[in-house]
Amino acid sequence: MTRIEADPALPIIRITRDFRATPERLLRAHTDPELYARWVGPDGMHTRIEQWDARTGGSYRFVSVRDGAEYAFRGCFHEIRPDRIVRTFTWEGDPDGVALETLRFEDLGGGTTRLHTQSLVESFESRDAWLRSGMETGLDDGYAKLERMLADGTV
């Protein structure tokens, strides 16, 4: 189950979900472009990676497509370590809406990892717009695909 929380004091969205996988496997799912394209986003969307340099200082751009409509996203990887990723994330439809995201992989033992994601945005209005955007559906669908890929050994 994905938990999404809006911080009451800061324009931050916090997302938490447990996966039956090691931190190494989750890191790979978030940094390997072929794997990432297979699970990110809601059901019914196809993701095309246009640029991907998953290293500290690298950048990325991907396009999600549904029914002929394209939604492009881009950002920079500020830091990639075995236990976390720090990156920016921008939907090109709102180029001023840059989020600073920190993904942390917490090893719970027994082959389970808790993914903590924190997204800091410019304002409470931006945060609330993200929450209304359908992001919950996209996260739930995407993480369900990722769980299937982890279970079948794809990752």
N, C-alpha and C. Protein backbone atom coordinates (compact mmCIF):
# COMPACT_ATOMS: atom_id res chain seq x y z
N MET A 1 0.84 -1.18 0.00
CA MET A 1 0.00 0.00 0.00
C MET A 1 0.89 1.25 0.00
N THR A 2 0.55 2.19 -0.83
CA THR A 2 1.28 3.44 -0.92
C THR A 2 0.64 4.45 0.03
N ARG A 3 1.46 5.06 0.87
CA ARG A 3 0.98 6.13 1.75
C ARG A 3 1.48 7.46 1.22
N ILE A 4 0.56 8.39 1.02
CA ILE A 4 0.90 9.73 0.53
C ILE A 4 0.45 10.72 1.59
N GLU A 5 1.37 11.58 2.02
CA GLU A 5 1.07 12.57 3.05
C GLU A 5 1.53 13.95 2.60
N ALA A 6 0.70 14.93 2.85
CA ALA A 6 1.07 16.33 2.61
C ALA A 6 1.53 16.90 3.94
N ASP A 7 2.74 17.42 3.98
CA ASP A 7 3.27 18.03 5.20
C ASP A 7 2.45 19.28 5.50
N PRO A 8 1.94 19.44 6.72
CA PRO A 8 1.13 20.61 7.03
C PRO A 8 1.93 21.92 7.15
N ALA A 9 3.25 21.82 7.38
CA ALA A 9 4.05 23.01 7.63
C ALA A 9 4.92 23.42 6.44
N LEU A 10 5.17 22.50 5.50
CA LEU A 10 6.05 22.76 4.37
C LEU A 10 5.40 22.25 3.09
N PRO A 11 5.75 22.81 1.92
CA PRO A 11 5.17 22.32 0.66
C PRO A 11 5.87 21.03 0.19
N ILE A 12 5.68 19.98 0.99
CA ILE A 12 6.33 18.70 0.76
C ILE A 12 5.27 17.60 0.68
N ILE A 13 5.50 16.67 -0.24
CA ILE A 13 4.71 15.45 -0.32
C ILE A 13 5.62 14.31 0.10
N ARG A 14 5.16 13.48 1.03
CA ARG A 14 5.92 12.31 1.46
C ARG A 14 5.17 11.05 1.03
N ILE A 15 5.91 10.13 0.42
CA ILE A 15 5.34 8.89 -0.08
C ILE A 15 6.14 7.74 0.51
N THR A 16 5.44 6.72 1.00
CA THR A 16 6.10 5.57 1.59
C THR A 16 5.44 4.30 1.07
N ARG A 17 6.27 3.32 0.73
CA ARG A 17 5.75 2.01 0.30
C ARG A 17 6.80 0.95 0.56
N ASP A 18 6.34 -0.22 1.01
CA ASP A 18 7.22 -1.35 1.24
C ASP A 18 7.21 -2.27 0.02
N PHE A 19 8.39 -2.80 -0.30
CA PHE A 19 8.55 -3.73 -1.42
C PHE A 19 9.28 -4.97 -0.94
N ARG A 20 8.92 -6.10 -1.50
CA ARG A 20 9.64 -7.34 -1.24
C ARG A 20 10.82 -7.40 -2.19
N ALA A 21 11.87 -6.70 -1.80
CA ALA A 21 13.08 -6.60 -2.62
C ALA A 21 14.17 -5.98 -1.77
N THR A 22 15.39 -6.20 -2.18
CA THR A 22 16.52 -5.57 -1.51
C THR A 22 16.63 -4.12 -1.97
N PRO A 23 17.33 -3.29 -1.20
CA PRO A 23 17.57 -1.92 -1.66
C PRO A 23 18.28 -1.88 -3.01
N GLU A 24 19.19 -2.82 -3.25
CA GLU A 24 19.93 -2.86 -4.51
C GLU A 24 18.99 -3.05 -5.70
N ARG A 25 18.01 -3.94 -5.54
CA ARG A 25 17.06 -4.17 -6.63
C ARG A 25 16.18 -2.94 -6.87
N LEU A 26 15.75 -2.28 -5.79
CA LEU A 26 14.93 -1.07 -5.97
C LEU A 26 15.74 0.05 -6.60
N LEU A 27 16.99 0.19 -6.20
CA LEU A 27 17.85 1.20 -6.83
C LEU A 27 17.97 0.92 -8.33
N ARG A 28 18.19 -0.33 -8.68
CA ARG A 28 18.31 -0.69 -10.10
C ARG A 28 17.02 -0.36 -10.86
N ALA A 29 15.87 -0.63 -10.26
CA ALA A 29 14.59 -0.34 -10.91
C ALA A 29 14.40 1.16 -11.16
N HIS A 30 15.05 1.98 -10.33
CA HIS A 30 14.93 3.43 -10.47
C HIS A 30 16.04 4.05 -11.32
N THR A 31 17.09 3.29 -11.63
CA THR A 31 18.20 3.87 -12.39
C THR A 31 18.44 3.22 -13.74
N ASP A 32 17.93 2.03 -13.96
CA ASP A 32 18.08 1.36 -15.26
C ASP A 32 16.95 1.87 -16.17
N PRO A 33 17.26 2.54 -17.26
CA PRO A 33 16.21 3.16 -18.07
C PRO A 33 15.21 2.17 -18.66
N GLU A 34 15.67 0.99 -19.06
CA GLU A 34 14.74 0.01 -19.63
C GLU A 34 13.75 -0.48 -18.57
N LEU A 35 14.23 -0.71 -17.37
CA LEU A 35 13.34 -1.14 -16.29
C LEU A 35 12.39 -0.02 -15.89
N TYR A 36 12.93 1.18 -15.71
CA TYR A 36 12.12 2.32 -15.29
C TYR A 36 10.96 2.55 -16.25
N ALA A 37 11.23 2.49 -17.54
CA ALA A 37 10.19 2.73 -18.55
C ALA A 37 9.08 1.69 -18.47
N ARG A 38 9.39 0.51 -17.98
CA ARG A 38 8.39 -0.56 -17.92
C ARG A 38 7.41 -0.42 -16.77
N TRP A 39 7.81 0.28 -15.71
CA TRP A 39 6.90 0.33 -14.56
C TRP A 39 6.38 1.72 -14.23
N VAL A 40 7.04 2.77 -14.63
CA VAL A 40 6.64 4.10 -14.17
C VAL A 40 5.29 4.51 -14.77
N GLY A 41 4.46 5.13 -13.97
CA GLY A 41 3.22 5.72 -14.46
C GLY A 41 2.01 4.81 -14.42
N PRO A 42 0.86 5.41 -14.73
CA PRO A 42 -0.40 4.67 -14.65
C PRO A 42 -0.54 3.63 -15.75
N ASP A 43 -1.42 2.67 -15.48
CA ASP A 43 -1.75 1.66 -16.49
C ASP A 43 -2.27 2.35 -17.74
N GLY A 44 -1.99 1.76 -18.88
CA GLY A 44 -2.46 2.32 -20.14
C GLY A 44 -1.53 3.35 -20.75
N MET A 45 -0.46 3.69 -20.06
CA MET A 45 0.53 4.63 -20.60
C MET A 45 1.78 3.86 -20.99
N HIS A 46 2.39 4.32 -22.05
CA HIS A 46 3.67 3.77 -22.52
C HIS A 46 4.72 4.85 -22.28
N THR A 47 5.87 4.47 -21.74
CA THR A 47 6.93 5.44 -21.47
C THR A 47 8.11 5.19 -22.39
N ARG A 48 8.57 6.29 -22.97
CA ARG A 48 9.73 6.27 -23.88
C ARG A 48 10.84 7.10 -23.23
N ILE A 49 11.99 6.48 -23.05
CA ILE A 49 13.14 7.19 -22.49
C ILE A 49 13.85 7.90 -23.64
N GLU A 50 14.00 9.21 -23.51
CA GLU A 50 14.68 9.97 -24.56
C GLU A 50 16.12 10.31 -24.19
N GLN A 51 16.38 10.42 -22.92
CA GLN A 51 17.74 10.70 -22.45
C GLN A 51 17.83 10.19 -21.03
N TRP A 52 18.94 9.50 -20.70
CA TRP A 52 19.04 8.90 -19.37
C TRP A 52 20.51 8.71 -19.02
N ASP A 53 20.96 9.43 -18.01
CA ASP A 53 22.33 9.33 -17.53
C ASP A 53 22.26 9.27 -16.00
N ALA A 54 21.94 8.06 -15.50
CA ALA A 54 21.69 7.86 -14.07
C ALA A 54 23.00 7.76 -13.31
N ARG A 55 23.55 8.91 -13.02
CA ARG A 55 24.77 9.02 -12.19
C ARG A 55 24.71 10.37 -11.52
N THR A 56 25.48 10.54 -10.46
CA THR A 56 25.56 11.83 -9.80
C THR A 56 25.99 12.86 -10.84
N GLY A 57 25.18 13.90 -11.03
CA GLY A 57 25.46 14.93 -12.03
C GLY A 57 24.82 14.67 -13.38
N GLY A 58 24.19 13.52 -13.55
CA GLY A 58 23.54 13.18 -14.82
C GLY A 58 22.14 13.78 -14.92
N SER A 59 21.49 13.52 -16.05
CA SER A 59 20.14 14.05 -16.25
C SER A 59 19.29 13.01 -16.99
N TYR A 60 18.01 13.33 -17.10
CA TYR A 60 17.10 12.41 -17.76
C TYR A 60 15.95 13.18 -18.41
N ARG A 61 15.30 12.50 -19.36
CA ARG A 61 14.06 12.99 -19.97
C ARG A 61 13.31 11.77 -20.46
N PHE A 62 12.03 11.70 -20.10
CA PHE A 62 11.20 10.62 -20.62
C PHE A 62 9.84 11.18 -20.99
N VAL A 63 9.16 10.46 -21.88
CA VAL A 63 7.85 10.88 -22.38
C VAL A 63 6.87 9.73 -22.14
N SER A 64 5.77 10.04 -21.49
CA SER A 64 4.71 9.07 -21.29
C SER A 64 3.60 9.37 -22.29
N VAL A 65 3.08 8.32 -22.93
CA VAL A 65 2.12 8.48 -24.03
C VAL A 65 0.86 7.67 -23.72
N ARG A 66 -0.30 8.30 -23.95
CA ARG A 66 -1.58 7.60 -23.85
C ARG A 66 -2.52 8.21 -24.88
N ASP A 67 -3.09 7.36 -25.71
CA ASP A 67 -4.07 7.81 -26.70
C ASP A 67 -3.56 8.97 -27.54
N GLY A 68 -2.29 8.94 -27.90
CA GLY A 68 -1.70 9.98 -28.73
C GLY A 68 -1.25 11.22 -27.99
N ALA A 69 -1.65 11.37 -26.73
CA ALA A 69 -1.22 12.52 -25.93
C ALA A 69 0.12 12.19 -25.28
N GLU A 70 1.05 13.16 -25.32
CA GLU A 70 2.38 12.96 -24.76
C GLU A 70 2.61 13.89 -23.57
N TYR A 71 3.23 13.34 -22.54
CA TYR A 71 3.56 14.08 -21.33
C TYR A 71 5.04 13.87 -21.06
N ALA A 72 5.82 14.94 -21.17
CA ALA A 72 7.28 14.83 -21.02
C ALA A 72 7.71 15.28 -19.63
N PHE A 73 8.71 14.58 -19.10
CA PHE A 73 9.27 14.86 -17.79
C PHE A 73 10.79 14.88 -17.90
N ARG A 74 11.42 15.73 -17.10
CA ARG A 74 12.87 15.80 -17.14
C ARG A 74 13.41 16.21 -15.78
N GLY A 75 14.71 16.03 -15.63
CA GLY A 75 15.33 16.43 -14.38
C GLY A 75 16.80 16.07 -14.37
N CYS A 76 17.42 16.32 -13.22
CA CYS A 76 18.83 16.05 -13.02
C CYS A 76 18.99 15.12 -11.81
N PHE A 77 19.92 14.21 -11.94
CA PHE A 77 20.29 13.36 -10.80
C PHE A 77 21.38 14.11 -10.03
N HIS A 78 21.03 14.60 -8.87
CA HIS A 78 22.01 15.34 -8.07
C HIS A 78 22.93 14.40 -7.31
N GLU A 79 22.38 13.26 -6.90
CA GLU A 79 23.20 12.28 -6.18
C GLU A 79 22.55 10.91 -6.31
N ILE A 80 23.39 9.92 -6.60
CA ILE A 80 22.93 8.53 -6.58
C ILE A 80 23.90 7.77 -5.70
N ARG A 81 23.34 7.17 -4.66
CA ARG A 81 24.10 6.32 -3.74
C ARG A 81 23.33 5.02 -3.57
N PRO A 82 23.93 4.01 -3.00
CA PRO A 82 23.20 2.74 -2.82
C PRO A 82 21.92 2.88 -1.98
N ASP A 83 21.88 3.86 -1.09
CA ASP A 83 20.72 3.99 -0.21
C ASP A 83 19.80 5.16 -0.56
N ARG A 84 20.15 5.96 -1.59
CA ARG A 84 19.27 7.09 -1.92
C ARG A 84 19.58 7.69 -3.27
N ILE A 85 18.55 8.38 -3.78
CA ILE A 85 18.65 9.15 -5.01
C ILE A 85 18.12 10.54 -4.69
N VAL A 86 18.84 11.56 -5.11
CA VAL A 86 18.35 12.94 -5.02
C VAL A 86 18.30 13.45 -6.45
N ARG A 87 17.11 13.94 -6.85
CA ARG A 87 16.94 14.40 -8.23
C ARG A 87 15.92 15.53 -8.28
N THR A 88 15.96 16.26 -9.38
CA THR A 88 14.87 17.19 -9.66
C THR A 88 13.89 16.48 -10.59
N PHE A 89 12.66 16.94 -10.58
CA PHE A 89 11.61 16.33 -11.39
C PHE A 89 10.70 17.45 -11.89
N THR A 90 10.55 17.54 -13.21
CA THR A 90 9.72 18.58 -13.81
C THR A 90 8.84 17.98 -14.89
N TRP A 91 7.55 18.27 -14.83
CA TRP A 91 6.65 17.97 -15.94
C TRP A 91 6.78 19.17 -16.87
N GLU A 92 7.11 18.90 -18.13
CA GLU A 92 7.37 19.99 -19.07
C GLU A 92 6.13 20.82 -19.37
N GLY A 93 4.95 20.32 -19.05
CA GLY A 93 3.73 21.11 -19.18
C GLY A 93 3.65 22.24 -18.17
N ASP A 94 4.46 22.16 -17.13
CA ASP A 94 4.58 23.20 -16.12
C ASP A 94 6.06 23.37 -15.80
N PRO A 95 6.82 23.97 -16.73
CA PRO A 95 8.28 24.01 -16.59
C PRO A 95 8.77 24.77 -15.36
N ASP A 96 7.93 25.62 -14.76
CA ASP A 96 8.34 26.31 -13.54
C ASP A 96 8.13 25.45 -12.30
N GLY A 97 7.41 24.36 -12.44
CA GLY A 97 7.08 23.50 -11.31
C GLY A 97 8.11 22.43 -11.05
N VAL A 98 9.28 22.82 -10.62
CA VAL A 98 10.37 21.88 -10.35
C VAL A 98 10.25 21.35 -8.92
N ALA A 99 10.31 20.04 -8.79
CA ALA A 99 10.33 19.42 -7.47
C ALA A 99 11.74 18.91 -7.19
N LEU A 100 12.15 19.01 -5.95
CA LEU A 100 13.39 18.39 -5.49
C LEU A 100 12.97 17.12 -4.76
N GLU A 101 13.37 15.97 -5.32
CA GLU A 101 12.94 14.69 -4.77
C GLU A 101 14.11 13.94 -4.14
N THR A 102 13.83 13.37 -2.99
CA THR A 102 14.78 12.47 -2.34
C THR A 102 14.10 11.13 -2.17
N LEU A 103 14.70 10.09 -2.74
CA LEU A 103 14.22 8.73 -2.60
C LEU A 103 15.21 8.01 -1.70
N ARG A 104 14.70 7.41 -0.64
CA ARG A 104 15.58 6.71 0.30
C ARG A 104 15.12 5.27 0.41
N PHE A 105 16.07 4.34 0.33
CA PHE A 105 15.80 2.92 0.37
C PHE A 105 16.19 2.39 1.75
N GLU A 106 15.20 2.07 2.58
CA GLU A 106 15.44 1.61 3.95
C GLU A 106 15.33 0.08 3.99
N ASP A 107 16.43 -0.58 4.28
CA ASP A 107 16.46 -2.04 4.38
C ASP A 107 15.79 -2.47 5.67
N LEU A 108 14.65 -3.15 5.56
CA LEU A 108 13.92 -3.62 6.73
C LEU A 108 14.33 -5.03 7.13
N GLY A 109 15.22 -5.64 6.35
CA GLY A 109 15.64 -7.00 6.61
C GLY A 109 14.65 -7.99 5.99
N GLY A 110 15.10 -9.22 5.89
CA GLY A 110 14.22 -10.26 5.36
C GLY A 110 13.81 -10.05 3.91
N GLY A 111 14.61 -9.30 3.16
CA GLY A 111 14.29 -9.08 1.75
C GLY A 111 13.22 -8.03 1.51
N THR A 112 12.97 -7.18 2.50
CA THR A 112 11.97 -6.11 2.36
C THR A 112 12.65 -4.76 2.49
N THR A 113 12.24 -3.83 1.63
CA THR A 113 12.77 -2.47 1.65
C THR A 113 11.61 -1.49 1.67
N ARG A 114 11.75 -0.48 2.50
CA ARG A 114 10.77 0.61 2.53
C ARG A 114 11.33 1.76 1.69
N LEU A 115 10.55 2.16 0.70
CA LEU A 115 10.90 3.30 -0.14
C LEU A 115 10.26 4.54 0.47
N HIS A 116 11.09 5.52 0.79
CA HIS A 116 10.63 6.82 1.29
C HIS A 116 10.92 7.84 0.18
N THR A 117 9.91 8.54 -0.27
CA THR A 117 10.11 9.60 -1.25
C THR A 117 9.60 10.90 -0.65
N GLN A 118 10.40 11.94 -0.80
CA GLN A 118 10.00 13.27 -0.36
C GLN A 118 10.15 14.21 -1.54
N SER A 119 9.07 14.92 -1.86
CA SER A 119 9.09 15.88 -2.97
C SER A 119 8.80 17.27 -2.42
N LEU A 120 9.79 18.14 -2.53
CA LEU A 120 9.66 19.53 -2.11
C LEU A 120 9.34 20.36 -3.34
N VAL A 121 8.22 21.09 -3.28
CA VAL A 121 7.82 21.95 -4.39
C VAL A 121 7.81 23.41 -3.93
N GLU A 122 7.55 24.30 -4.88
CA GLU A 122 7.71 25.73 -4.65
C GLU A 122 6.71 26.33 -3.65
N SER A 123 5.49 25.81 -3.63
CA SER A 123 4.45 26.44 -2.81
C SER A 123 3.41 25.40 -2.39
N PHE A 124 2.59 25.78 -1.43
CA PHE A 124 1.49 24.91 -1.02
C PHE A 124 0.51 24.72 -2.18
N GLU A 125 0.33 25.76 -2.98
CA GLU A 125 -0.58 25.66 -4.14
C GLU A 125 -0.06 24.62 -5.13
N SER A 126 1.25 24.64 -5.39
CA SER A 126 1.84 23.64 -6.29
C SER A 126 1.70 22.24 -5.70
N ARG A 127 1.98 22.12 -4.41
CA ARG A 127 1.85 20.82 -3.76
C ARG A 127 0.43 20.28 -3.91
N ASP A 128 -0.55 21.13 -3.64
CA ASP A 128 -1.94 20.69 -3.70
C ASP A 128 -2.36 20.37 -5.13
N ALA A 129 -1.81 21.09 -6.10
CA ALA A 129 -2.10 20.78 -7.51
C ALA A 129 -1.53 19.42 -7.87
N TRP A 130 -0.34 19.10 -7.39
CA TRP A 130 0.25 17.77 -7.64
C TRP A 130 -0.66 16.70 -7.06
N LEU A 131 -1.14 16.92 -5.83
CA LEU A 131 -1.99 15.92 -5.18
C LEU A 131 -3.31 15.73 -5.93
N ARG A 132 -3.83 16.78 -6.56
CA ARG A 132 -5.08 16.69 -7.33
C ARG A 132 -4.86 16.15 -8.74
N SER A 133 -3.62 16.01 -9.18
CA SER A 133 -3.30 15.71 -10.57
C SER A 133 -3.55 14.26 -10.98
N GLY A 134 -3.86 13.40 -10.03
CA GLY A 134 -3.97 11.98 -10.34
C GLY A 134 -2.69 11.23 -10.01
N MET A 135 -1.78 11.88 -9.32
CA MET A 135 -0.50 11.24 -9.01
C MET A 135 -0.69 9.96 -8.20
N GLU A 136 -1.74 9.91 -7.36
CA GLU A 136 -1.96 8.71 -6.55
C GLU A 136 -2.23 7.49 -7.43
N THR A 137 -3.04 7.66 -8.47
CA THR A 137 -3.31 6.56 -9.40
C THR A 137 -2.04 6.15 -10.12
N GLY A 138 -1.29 7.13 -10.60
CA GLY A 138 -0.04 6.84 -11.29
C GLY A 138 0.94 6.09 -10.40
N LEU A 139 1.05 6.52 -9.14
CA LEU A 139 1.95 5.84 -8.20
C LEU A 139 1.47 4.42 -7.91
N ASP A 140 0.18 4.26 -7.59
CA ASP A 140 -0.34 2.93 -7.27
C ASP A 140 -0.17 1.97 -8.44
N ASP A 141 -0.54 2.42 -9.64
CA ASP A 141 -0.40 1.56 -10.83
C ASP A 141 1.06 1.24 -11.10
N GLY A 142 1.91 2.26 -11.06
CA GLY A 142 3.32 2.05 -11.34
C GLY A 142 3.97 1.13 -10.33
N TYR A 143 3.72 1.34 -9.06
CA TYR A 143 4.32 0.49 -8.03
C TYR A 143 3.78 -0.93 -8.11
N ALA A 144 2.53 -1.13 -8.51
CA ALA A 144 2.00 -2.48 -8.70
C ALA A 144 2.75 -3.18 -9.83
N LYS A 145 3.03 -2.45 -10.92
CA LYS A 145 3.83 -3.03 -12.01
C LYS A 145 5.23 -3.38 -11.51
N LEU A 146 5.82 -2.48 -10.73
CA LEU A 146 7.16 -2.73 -10.19
C LEU A 146 7.16 -3.97 -9.29
N GLU A 147 6.14 -4.10 -8.45
CA GLU A 147 6.05 -5.28 -7.59
C GLU A 147 5.99 -6.57 -8.41
N ARG A 148 5.23 -6.56 -9.51
CA ARG A 148 5.17 -7.74 -10.37
C ARG A 148 6.54 -8.04 -10.99
N MET A 149 7.24 -6.99 -11.41
CA MET A 149 8.58 -7.18 -12.00
C MET A 149 9.57 -7.72 -10.96
N LEU A 150 9.45 -7.27 -9.73
CA LEU A 150 10.31 -7.78 -8.66
C LEU A 150 9.98 -9.24 -8.36
N ALA A 151 8.69 -9.56 -8.35
CA ALA A 151 8.26 -10.93 -8.03
C ALA A 151 8.66 -11.92 -9.12
N ASP A 152 8.62 -11.50 -10.39
CA ASP A 152 8.94 -12.44 -11.46
C ASP A 152 10.42 -12.46 -11.83
N GLY A 153 11.23 -11.66 -11.12
CA GLY A 153 12.67 -11.67 -11.34
C GLY A 153 13.16 -10.77 -12.45
N THR A 154 12.26 -9.97 -13.02
CA THR A 154 12.68 -9.02 -14.07
C THR A 154 13.71 -8.04 -13.53
N VAL A 155 13.54 -7.64 -12.29
CA VAL A 155 14.49 -6.73 -11.62
C VAL A 155 15.32 -7.52 -10.65
